[in-house]
Structures are given as C-alpha cells and as structure tokens.
C-alpha cells in the first residue's frame, strides 16, 4: 500500500502565483514609498516653519533683549558715575562741615 500524496501544480499556476505575489509585493512597496514621501514632505514643511520662526526670533531678539556684555558695560558706566557723584557729595559735605 502506497499512501503517498503528490501535489500536482501546473506551470501556469506557478507563474500565476508568482506574478500575484510579486504584484502584492509591488503594491506594498509602492504604498510604503508613498507613505514615506508624504511623511518626508510633512517633516520638510515643519522644518521650514521652524526655520521661519527662528529667523523671526533672531530679528526681534536684539530689539527686546540686551547682550550680557552690553549690560555689564552699561552697569559699569552707571556705577562709575554714581561713585563720582558720591565722591563729589562727600567732598562738599567735608567742606561744609569744616566751615562751621
């Protein structure tokens, strides 16, 4: 008793199966490529928006804020003027207290 089972597939069936499989692979590849391109376009548009925002911030930044070095320089000038004023007032006080 020989209970062997053989599957017989004709050549056109194998070719049809392979063509169908390749068609499905092609379809999925095309879908993935389309999805990738749309996502890439979204990221590119988002990066352009961020670049515009950064450029607008760079334009307005000098108008709204002072650099640290400029602030320190301005404070040094103000402190020098206040020290000179204090010295003048001290000298005047010494002169006036010496007259009495």
Foldseek 3Di string as FASTA:
>chain_A
DDDDDDDDDDPVRVVVVVVVVVVVVVVVVVVVVVVVVVVVVVVVVVVVVVVVVVVVCVVCVVVPDDDPVVVVVVVVVVVVVVVVVVVVVVVVVVVVVVVD
